[in-house]
Each structure stands twice: as structure tokens, then as C-alpha cells.
């Protein structure tokens, strides 16, 4: 899975905001803010990765077990799918 083309993340003060680019600007009608963890996962999703890769990467970054992050990663992915920002 990966982020669909046409979307980037920009840092605005202390927040990270999903920004549509090119023709996606007209299709995107909401604002999505990401925290530091969400931004980390977004950067991983700029490449085609698996759910397990996301969990392992996040766990390594924050020095916790992959099992501890599975629910949060699943929620994040579900939110991106609801916003139509991710492709399988």
C-alpha cells in the first residue's frame, strides 16, 4: 500500500498538514493534520510498503514492540482509506 500520487505533507509551525497538489487540489475538500507519528507513517507510505513493515518501522523508531503499535497503525490506515489517500 502507498499514498496516492498528488498529495504531500507540509510542516506548518508545529503541525504537519496533508496538501493536495496539481489536479488533486480540486478534488480534496478537507484538512488533515498529522502528528509526528502520523508524519513518520506517511513518509513510510510514500513507498509501496506492507502493514507489517509500517508496524516494525514505527516500533523501531519509538523503541517499542510491533505488537504495541498494530492497533494504532490500523486506525491510521483506515483513516487514510476513508479520506481516499491510500492505494493498496
PDB file of N, CA and C in Angstrom:
ATOM      1  N   UNK A   1       0.843  -1.179   0.000  1.00  0.00           N
ATOM      2  CA  UNK A   1       0.000   0.000   0.000  1.00  0.00           C
ATOM      3  C   UNK A   1       0.885   1.237   0.000  1.00  0.00           C
ATOM      4  N   UNK A   2       0.341   2.325  -0.525  1.00  0.00           N
ATOM      5  CA  UNK A   2       1.095   3.576  -0.550  1.00  0.00           C
ATOM      6  C   UNK A   2       0.156   4.761  -0.697  1.00  0.00           C
ATOM      7  N   UNK A   3       0.692   5.939  -0.421  1.00  0.00           N
ATOM      8  CA  UNK A   3      -0.057   7.184  -0.591  1.00  0.00           C
ATOM      9  C   UNK A   3      -0.291   7.407  -2.079  1.00  0.00           C
ATOM     10  N   UNK A   4      -1.499   7.833  -2.432  1.00  0.00           N
ATOM     11  CA  UNK A   4      -1.806   8.130  -3.829  1.00  0.00           C
ATOM     12  C   UNK A   4      -0.987   9.322  -4.291  1.00  0.00           C
ATOM     13  N   UNK A   5      -0.679   9.339  -5.552  1.00  0.00           N
ATOM     14  CA  UNK A   5       0.016  10.487  -6.135  1.00  0.00           C
ATOM     15  C   UNK A   5      -0.849  11.731  -5.994  1.00  0.00           C
ATOM     16  N   UNK A   6      -0.200  12.870  -5.839  1.00  0.00           N
ATOM     17  CA  UNK A   6      -0.922  14.133  -5.777  1.00  0.00           C
ATOM     18  C   UNK A   6      -1.109  14.685  -4.384  1.00  0.00           C
ATOM     19  N   UNK A   7      -0.468  14.063  -3.389  1.00  0.00           N
ATOM     20  CA  UNK A   7      -0.580  14.545  -2.015  1.00  0.00           C
ATOM     21  C   UNK A   7       0.795  14.582  -1.365  1.00  0.00           C
ATOM     22  N   UNK A   8       1.036  15.637  -0.608  1.00  0.00           N
ATOM     23  CA  UNK A   8       2.285  15.776   0.131  1.00  0.00           C
ATOM     24  C   UNK A   8       1.961  16.239   1.550  1.00  0.00           C
ATOM     25  N   UNK A   9       2.961  16.214   2.406  1.00  0.00           N
ATOM     26  CA  UNK A   9       2.810  16.735   3.766  1.00  0.00           C
ATOM     27  C   UNK A   9       3.729  17.937   3.919  1.00  0.00           C
ATOM     28  N   UNK A  10       3.180  18.996   4.454  1.00  0.00           N
ATOM     29  CA  UNK A  10       3.948  20.209   4.732  1.00  0.00           C
ATOM     30  C   UNK A  10       3.911  20.497   6.220  1.00  0.00           C
ATOM     31  N   UNK A  11       5.040  20.954   6.747  1.00  0.00           N
ATOM     32  CA  UNK A  11       5.081  21.356   8.150  1.00  0.00           C
ATOM     33  C   UNK A  11       4.625  22.807   8.247  1.00  0.00           C
ATOM     34  N   UNK A  12       3.645  23.044   9.109  1.00  0.00           N
ATOM     35  CA  UNK A  12       3.115  24.377   9.355  1.00  0.00           C
ATOM     36  C   UNK A  12       3.238  24.612  10.855  1.00  0.00           C
ATOM     37  N   UNK A  13       4.199  25.444  11.215  1.00  0.00           N
ATOM     38  CA  UNK A  13       4.553  25.703  12.608  1.00  0.00           C
ATOM     39  C   UNK A  13       4.922  24.360  13.257  1.00  0.00           C
ATOM     40  N   UNK A  14       4.109  23.842  14.160  1.00  0.00           N
ATOM     41  CA  UNK A  14       4.418  22.581  14.826  1.00  0.00           C
ATOM     42  C   UNK A  14       3.544  21.430  14.340  1.00  0.00           C
ATOM     43  N   UNK A  15       2.756  21.661  13.312  1.00  0.00           N
ATOM     44  CA  UNK A  15       1.851  20.637  12.787  1.00  0.00           C
ATOM     45  C   UNK A  15       2.295  20.203  11.397  1.00  0.00           C
ATOM     46  N   UNK A  16       1.809  19.044  11.000  1.00  0.00           N
ATOM     47  CA  UNK A  16       2.019  18.541   9.654  1.00  0.00           C
ATOM     48  C   UNK A  16       0.655  18.465   8.982  1.00  0.00           C
ATOM     49  N   UNK A  17       0.543  19.017   7.783  1.00  0.00           N
ATOM     50  CA  UNK A  17      -0.734  19.112   7.080  1.00  0.00           C
ATOM     51  C   UNK A  17      -0.620  18.416   5.727  1.00  0.00           C
ATOM     52  N   UNK A  18      -1.625  17.597   5.409  1.00  0.00           N
ATOM     53  CA  UNK A  18      -1.692  16.955   4.094  1.00  0.00           C
ATOM     54  C   UNK A  18      -2.174  18.000   3.092  1.00  0.00           C
ATOM     55  N   UNK A  19      -1.426  18.137   2.002  1.00  0.00           N
ATOM     56  CA  UNK A  19      -1.717  19.147   0.996  1.00  0.00           C
ATOM     57  C   UNK A  19      -1.859  18.471  -0.368  1.00  0.00           C
ATOM     58  N   UNK A  20      -2.974  18.735  -1.068  1.00  0.00           N
ATOM     59  CA  UNK A  20      -3.104  18.212  -2.428  1.00  0.00           C
ATOM     60  C   UNK A  20      -2.295  19.069  -3.394  1.00  0.00           C
ATOM     61  N   UNK A  21      -1.761  18.446  -4.412  1.00  0.00           N
ATOM     62  CA  UNK A  21      -1.016  19.179  -5.427  1.00  0.00           C
ATOM     63  C   UNK A  21      -1.595  18.866  -6.803  1.00  0.00           C
ATOM     64  N   UNK A  22      -1.307  19.752  -7.745  1.00  0.00           N
ATOM     65  CA  UNK A  22      -1.772  19.606  -9.134  1.00  0.00           C
ATOM     66  C   UNK A  22      -3.285  19.491  -9.194  1.00  0.00           C
ATOM     67  N   UNK A  23      -3.809  18.540  -9.952  1.00  0.00           N
ATOM     68  CA  UNK A  23      -5.249  18.424 -10.149  1.00  0.00           C
ATOM     69  C   UNK A  23      -5.988  17.889  -8.932  1.00  0.00           C
ATOM     70  N   UNK A  24      -5.297  17.343  -7.960  1.00  0.00           N
ATOM     71  CA  UNK A  24      -5.937  16.831  -6.750  1.00  0.00           C
ATOM     72  C   UNK A  24      -6.512  17.961  -5.887  1.00  0.00           C
ATOM     73  N   UNK A  25      -6.032  19.181  -6.106  1.00  0.00           N
ATOM     74  CA  UNK A  25      -6.481  20.323  -5.315  1.00  0.00           C
ATOM     75  C   UNK A  25      -7.998  20.505  -5.404  1.00  0.00           C
ATOM     76  N   UNK A  26      -8.543  20.295  -6.585  1.00  0.00           N
ATOM     77  CA  UNK A  26      -9.981  20.493  -6.790  1.00  0.00           C
ATOM     78  C   UNK A  26     -10.812  19.361  -6.181  1.00  0.00           C
ATOM     79  N   UNK A  27     -10.232  18.189  -6.017  1.00  0.00           N
ATOM     80  CA  UNK A  27     -10.957  17.026  -5.518  1.00  0.00           C
ATOM     81  C   UNK A  27     -10.934  16.919  -3.996  1.00  0.00           C
ATOM     82  N   UNK A  28     -10.005  17.566  -3.354  1.00  0.00           N
ATOM     83  CA  UNK A  28      -9.762  17.379  -1.928  1.00  0.00           C
ATOM     84  C   UNK A  28     -10.419  18.506  -1.157  1.00  0.00           C
ATOM     85  N   UNK A  29     -11.382  18.169  -0.313  1.00  0.00           N
ATOM     86  CA  UNK A  29     -12.156  19.223   0.340  1.00  0.00           C
ATOM     87  C   UNK A  29     -12.045  19.216   1.864  1.00  0.00           C
ATOM     88  N   UNK A  30     -10.988  18.632   2.394  1.00  0.00           N
ATOM     89  CA  UNK A  30     -10.846  18.615   3.843  1.00  0.00           C
ATOM     90  C   UNK A  30      -9.410  18.945   4.235  1.00  0.00           C
ATOM     91  N   UNK A  31      -9.216  19.135   5.516  1.00  0.00           N
ATOM     92  CA  UNK A  31      -7.885  19.387   6.041  1.00  0.00           C
ATOM     93  C   UNK A  31      -7.520  18.209   6.937  1.00  0.00           C
ATOM     94  N   UNK A  32      -6.353  17.640   6.698  1.00  0.00           N
ATOM     95  CA  UNK A  32      -5.889  16.536   7.528  1.00  0.00           C
ATOM     96  C   UNK A  32      -4.587  16.951   8.178  1.00  0.00           C
ATOM     97  N   UNK A  33      -4.609  16.972   9.495  1.00  0.00           N
ATOM     98  CA  UNK A  33      -3.407  17.269  10.276  1.00  0.00           C
ATOM     99  C   UNK A  33      -2.820  15.960  10.778  1.00  0.00           C
ATOM    100  N   UNK A  34      -1.511  15.883  10.777  1.00  0.00           N
ATOM    101  CA  UNK A  34      -0.814  14.707  11.278  1.00  0.00           C
ATOM    102  C   UNK A  34       0.068  15.100  12.444  1.00  0.00           C
ATOM    103  N   UNK A  35       0.164  14.226  13.421  1.00  0.00           N
ATOM    104  CA  UNK A  35       1.145  14.436  14.474  1.00  0.00           C
ATOM    105  C   UNK A  35       2.480  13.846  14.005  1.00  0.00           C
ATOM    106  N   UNK A  36       3.467  13.861  14.852  1.00  0.00           N
ATOM    107  CA  UNK A  36       4.799  13.374  14.470  1.00  0.00           C
ATOM    108  C   UNK A  36       4.766  11.902  14.045  1.00  0.00           C
ATOM    109  N   UNK A  37       3.989  11.096  14.755  1.00  0.00           N
ATOM    110  CA  UNK A  37       3.872   9.676  14.427  1.00  0.00           C
ATOM    111  C   UNK A  37       3.179   9.488  13.082  1.00  0.00           C
ATOM    112  N   UNK A  38       2.107  10.229  12.859  1.00  0.00           N
ATOM    113  CA  UNK A  38       1.404  10.161  11.582  1.00  0.00           C
ATOM    114  C   UNK A  38       2.296  10.582  10.431  1.00  0.00           C
ATOM    115  N   UNK A  39       3.102  11.602  10.650  1.00  0.00           N
ATOM    116  CA  UNK A  39       4.035  12.060   9.620  1.00  0.00           C
ATOM    117  C   UNK A  39       5.069  10.975   9.328  1.00  0.00           C
ATOM    118  N   UNK A  40       5.550  10.305  10.358  1.00  0.00           N
ATOM    119  CA  UNK A  40       6.505   9.213  10.167  1.00  0.00           C
ATOM    120  C   UNK A  40       5.889   8.122   9.298  1.00  0.00           C
ATOM    121  N   UNK A  41       4.657   7.725   9.623  1.00  0.00           N
ATOM    122  CA  UNK A  41       3.990   6.689   8.835  1.00  0.00           C
ATOM    123  C   UNK A  41       3.733   7.161   7.409  1.00  0.00           C
ATOM    124  N   UNK A  42       3.359   8.422   7.247  1.00  0.00           N
ATOM    125  CA  UNK A  42       3.127   8.977   5.911  1.00  0.00           C
ATOM    126  C   UNK A  42       4.389   8.855   5.062  1.00  0.00           C
ATOM    127  N   UNK A  43       5.522   9.226   5.647  1.00  0.00           N
ATOM    128  CA  UNK A  43       6.797   9.141   4.918  1.00  0.00           C
ATOM    129  C   UNK A  43       7.083   7.697   4.504  1.00  0.00           C
ATOM    130  N   UNK A  44       6.780   6.752   5.374  1.00  0.00           N
ATOM    131  CA  UNK A  44       6.954   5.336   5.012  1.00  0.00           C
ATOM    132  C   UNK A  44       6.044   4.970   3.842  1.00  0.00           C
ATOM    133  N   UNK A  45       4.825   5.507   3.857  1.00  0.00           N
ATOM    134  CA  UNK A  45       3.839   5.186   2.834  1.00  0.00           C
ATOM    135  C   UNK A  45       4.077   5.890   1.500  1.00  0.00           C
ATOM    136  N   UNK A  46       5.104   6.701   1.413  1.00  0.00           N
ATOM    137  CA  UNK A  46       5.451   7.292   0.124  1.00  0.00           C
ATOM    138  C   UNK A  46       6.009   6.214  -0.810  1.00  0.00           C
ATOM    139  N   UNK A  47       6.398   5.085  -0.232  1.00  0.00           N
ATOM    140  CA  UNK A  47       6.823   3.915  -0.990  1.00  0.00           C
ATOM    141  C   UNK A  47       5.785   2.820  -0.775  1.00  0.00           C
ATOM    142  N   UNK A  48       5.777   1.842  -1.634  1.00  0.00           N
ATOM    143  CA  UNK A  48       4.850   0.730  -1.502  1.00  0.00           C
ATOM    144  C   UNK A  48       5.337  -0.188  -0.382  1.00  0.00           C
ATOM    145  N   UNK A  49       4.604  -0.220   0.734  1.00  0.00           N
ATOM    146  CA  UNK A  49       5.022  -0.988   1.912  1.00  0.00           C
ATOM    147  C   UNK A  49       3.859  -1.842   2.413  1.00  0.00           C
ATOM    148  N   UNK A  50       4.178  -2.760   3.290  1.00  0.00           N
ATOM    149  CA  UNK A  50       3.155  -3.612   3.896  1.00  0.00           C
ATOM    150  C   UNK A  50       2.774  -3.078   5.272  1.00  0.00           C
ATOM    151  N   UNK A  51       1.659  -3.584   5.772  1.00  0.00           N
ATOM    152  CA  UNK A  51       1.215  -3.241   7.116  1.00  0.00           C
ATOM    153  C   UNK A  51       2.279  -3.641   8.135  1.00  0.00           C
ATOM    154  N   UNK A  52       2.829  -4.838   7.970  1.00  0.00           N
ATOM    155  CA  UNK A  52       3.856  -5.313   8.910  1.00  0.00           C
ATOM    156  C   UNK A  52       5.092  -4.421   8.885  1.00  0.00           C
ATOM    157  N   UNK A  53       5.474  -3.952   7.695  1.00  0.00           N
ATOM    158  CA  UNK A  53       6.620  -3.047   7.593  1.00  0.00           C
ATOM    159  C   UNK A  53       6.348  -1.762   8.377  1.00  0.00           C
ATOM    160  N   UNK A  54       5.145  -1.219   8.250  1.00  0.00           N
ATOM    161  CA  UNK A  54       4.794   0.002   8.985  1.00  0.00           C
ATOM    162  C   UNK A  54       4.890  -0.217  10.489  1.00  0.00           C
ATOM    163  N   UNK A  55       4.356  -1.326  10.953  1.00  0.00           N
ATOM    164  CA  UNK A  55       4.391  -1.626  12.390  1.00  0.00           C
ATOM    165  C   UNK A  55       5.822  -1.788  12.880  1.00  0.00           C
ATOM    166  N   UNK A  56       6.614  -2.526  12.132  1.00  0.00           N
ATOM    167  CA  UNK A  56       8.007  -2.751  12.529  1.00  0.00           C
ATOM    168  C   UNK A  56       8.812  -1.458  12.509  1.00  0.00           C
ATOM    169  N   UNK A  57       8.593  -0.630  11.494  1.00  0.00           N
ATOM    170  CA  UNK A  57       9.326   0.637  11.384  1.00  0.00           C
ATOM    171  C   UNK A  57       8.967   1.582  12.516  1.00  0.00           C
ATOM    172  N   UNK A  58       7.671   1.685  12.808  1.00  0.00           N
ATOM    173  CA  UNK A  58       7.226   2.569  13.881  1.00  0.00           C
ATOM    174  C   UNK A  58       7.737   2.072  15.234  1.00  0.00           C
ATOM    175  N   UNK A  59       7.673   0.776  15.434  1.00  0.00           N
ATOM    176  CA  UNK A  59       8.162   0.195  16.692  1.00  0.00           C
ATOM    177  C   UNK A  59       9.648   0.457  16.876  1.00  0.00           C
ATOM    178  N   UNK A  60      10.399   0.303  15.812  1.00  0.00           N
ATOM    179  CA  UNK A  60      11.845   0.548  15.886  1.00  0.00           C
ATOM    180  C   UNK A  60      12.125   2.025  16.178  1.00  0.00           C
ATOM    181  N   UNK A  61      11.396   2.915  15.507  1.00  0.00           N
ATOM    182  CA  UNK A  61      11.592   4.359  15.684  1.00  0.00           C
ATOM    183  C   UNK A  61      11.346   4.789  17.132  1.00  0.00           C
ATOM    184  N   UNK A  62      10.327   4.206  17.759  1.00  0.00           N
ATOM    185  CA  UNK A  62       9.950   4.612  19.109  1.00  0.00           C
ATOM    186  C   UNK A  62      10.360   3.594  20.178  1.00  0.00           C
ATOM    187  N   UNK A  63      11.142   2.617  19.775  1.00  0.00           N
ATOM    188  CA  UNK A  63      11.714   1.620  20.682  1.00  0.00           C
ATOM    189  C   UNK A  63      10.657   0.916  21.528  1.00  0.00           C
ATOM    190  N   UNK A  64       9.632   0.409  20.849  1.00  0.00           N
ATOM    191  CA  UNK A  64       8.599  -0.397  21.490  1.00  0.00           C
ATOM    192  C   UNK A  64       8.361  -1.632  20.622  1.00  0.00           C
ATOM    193  N   UNK A  65       7.497  -2.510  21.058  1.00  0.00           N
ATOM    194  CA  UNK A  65       7.262  -3.728  20.278  1.00  0.00           C
ATOM    195  C   UNK A  65       6.261  -3.464  19.155  1.00  0.00           C
ATOM    196  N   UNK A  66       6.388  -4.216  18.083  1.00  0.00           N
ATOM    197  CA  UNK A  66       5.485  -4.074  16.941  1.00  0.00           C
ATOM    198  C   UNK A  66       4.044  -4.382  17.338  1.00  0.00           C
ATOM    199  N   UNK A  67       3.854  -5.292  18.271  1.00  0.00           N
ATOM    200  CA  UNK A  67       2.500  -5.622  18.736  1.00  0.00           C
ATOM    201  C   UNK A  67       1.821  -4.424  19.389  1.00  0.00           C
ATOM    202  N   UNK A  68       2.599  -3.570  20.032  1.00  0.00           N
ATOM    203  CA  UNK A  68       2.034  -2.405  20.725  1.00  0.00           C
ATOM    204  C   UNK A  68       1.479  -1.357  19.766  1.00  0.00           C
ATOM    205  N   UNK A  69       1.933  -1.351  18.532  1.00  0.00           N
ATOM    206  CA  UNK A  69       1.530  -0.298  17.599  1.00  0.00           C
ATOM    207  C   UNK A  69       0.499  -0.754  16.570  1.00  0.00           C
ATOM    208  N   UNK A  70       0.210  -2.048  16.519  1.00  0.00           N
ATOM    209  CA  UNK A  70      -0.666  -2.576  15.459  1.00  0.00           C
ATOM    210  C   UNK A  70      -2.029  -1.893  15.397  1.00  0.00           C
ATOM    211  N   UNK A  71      -2.675  -1.710  16.534  1.00  0.00           N
ATOM    212  CA  UNK A  71      -4.000  -1.077  16.522  1.00  0.00           C
ATOM    213  C   UNK A  71      -3.938   0.362  16.035  1.00  0.00           C
ATOM    214  N   UNK A  72      -2.914   1.095  16.482  1.00  0.00           N
ATOM    215  CA  UNK A  72      -2.769   2.496  16.060  1.00  0.00           C
ATOM    216  C   UNK A  72      -2.468   2.600  14.569  1.00  0.00           C
ATOM    217  N   UNK A  73      -1.613   1.723  14.071  1.00  0.00           N
ATOM    218  CA  UNK A  73      -1.297   1.731  12.641  1.00  0.00           C
ATOM    219  C   UNK A  73      -2.539   1.370  11.832  1.00  0.00           C
ATOM    220  N   UNK A  74      -3.294   0.396  12.286  1.00  0.00           N
ATOM    221  CA  UNK A  74      -4.527   0.013  11.589  1.00  0.00           C
ATOM    222  C   UNK A  74      -5.516   1.171  11.550  1.00  0.00           C
ATOM    223  N   UNK A  75      -5.662   1.891  12.651  1.00  0.00           N
ATOM    224  CA  UNK A  75      -6.548   3.066  12.690  1.00  0.00           C
ATOM    225  C   UNK A  75      -6.073   4.139  11.720  1.00  0.00           C
ATOM    226  N   UNK A  76      -4.768   4.374  11.686  1.00  0.00           N
ATOM    227  CA  UNK A  76      -4.205   5.385  10.786  1.00  0.00           C
ATOM    228  C   UNK A  76      -4.494   5.015   9.334  1.00  0.00           C
ATOM    229  N   UNK A  77      -4.261   3.759   8.985  1.00  0.00           N
ATOM    230  CA  UNK A  77      -4.511   3.300   7.621  1.00  0.00           C
ATOM    231  C   UNK A  77      -5.995   3.421   7.282  1.00  0.00           C
ATOM    232  N   UNK A  78      -6.865   3.043   8.201  1.00  0.00           N
ATOM    233  CA  UNK A  78      -8.313   3.169   7.970  1.00  0.00           C
ATOM    234  C   UNK A  78      -8.707   4.617   7.703  1.00  0.00           C
ATOM    235  N   UNK A  79      -8.145   5.545   8.472  1.00  0.00           N
ATOM    236  CA  UNK A  79      -8.453   6.966   8.257  1.00  0.00           C
ATOM    237  C   UNK A  79      -7.970   7.447   6.892  1.00  0.00           C
ATOM    238  N   UNK A  80      -6.801   6.999   6.476  1.00  0.00           N
ATOM    239  CA  UNK A  80      -6.310   7.378   5.147  1.00  0.00           C
ATOM    240  C   UNK A  80      -7.189   6.796   4.048  1.00  0.00           C
ATOM    241  N   UNK A  81      -7.649   5.564   4.243  1.00  0.00           N
ATOM    242  CA  UNK A  81      -8.538   4.951   3.253  1.00  0.00           C
ATOM    243  C   UNK A  81      -9.863   5.696   3.182  1.00  0.00           C
ATOM    244  N   UNK A  82     -10.414   6.099   4.313  1.00  0.00           N
ATOM    245  CA  UNK A  82     -11.667   6.850   4.333  1.00  0.00           C
ATOM    246  C   UNK A  82     -11.530   8.187   3.605  1.00  0.00           C
ATOM    247  N   UNK A  83     -10.346   8.780   3.691  1.00  0.00           N
ATOM    248  CA  UNK A  83     -10.076  10.049   3.009  1.00  0.00           C
ATOM    249  C   UNK A  83      -9.645   9.829   1.568  1.00  0.00           C
ATOM    250  N   UNK A  84      -9.594   8.578   1.133  1.00  0.00           N
ATOM    251  CA  UNK A  84      -9.202   8.208  -0.236  1.00  0.00           C
ATOM    252  C   UNK A  84      -7.787   8.695  -0.570  1.00  0.00           C
ATOM    253  N   UNK A  85      -6.864   8.515   0.386  1.00  0.00           N
ATOM    254  CA  UNK A  85      -5.487   8.953   0.203  1.00  0.00           C
ATOM    255  C   UNK A  85      -4.508   7.797   0.003  1.00  0.00           C
ATOM    256  N   UNK A  86      -4.994   6.580   0.064  1.00  0.00           N
ATOM    257  CA  UNK A  86      -4.089   5.438   0.026  1.00  0.00           C
ATOM    258  C   UNK A  86      -4.587   4.426  -1.005  1.00  0.00           C
ATOM    259  N   UNK A  87      -3.640   3.774  -1.632  1.00  0.00           N
ATOM    260  CA  UNK A  87      -3.984   2.691  -2.566  1.00  0.00           C
ATOM    261  C   UNK A  87      -3.320   1.409  -2.083  1.00  0.00           C
ATOM    262  N   UNK A  88      -4.014   0.302  -2.296  1.00  0.00           N
ATOM    263  CA  UNK A  88      -3.488  -0.986  -1.846  1.00  0.00           C
ATOM    264  C   UNK A  88      -2.488  -1.573  -2.807  1.00  0.00           C
TER     265      UNK A  88
END
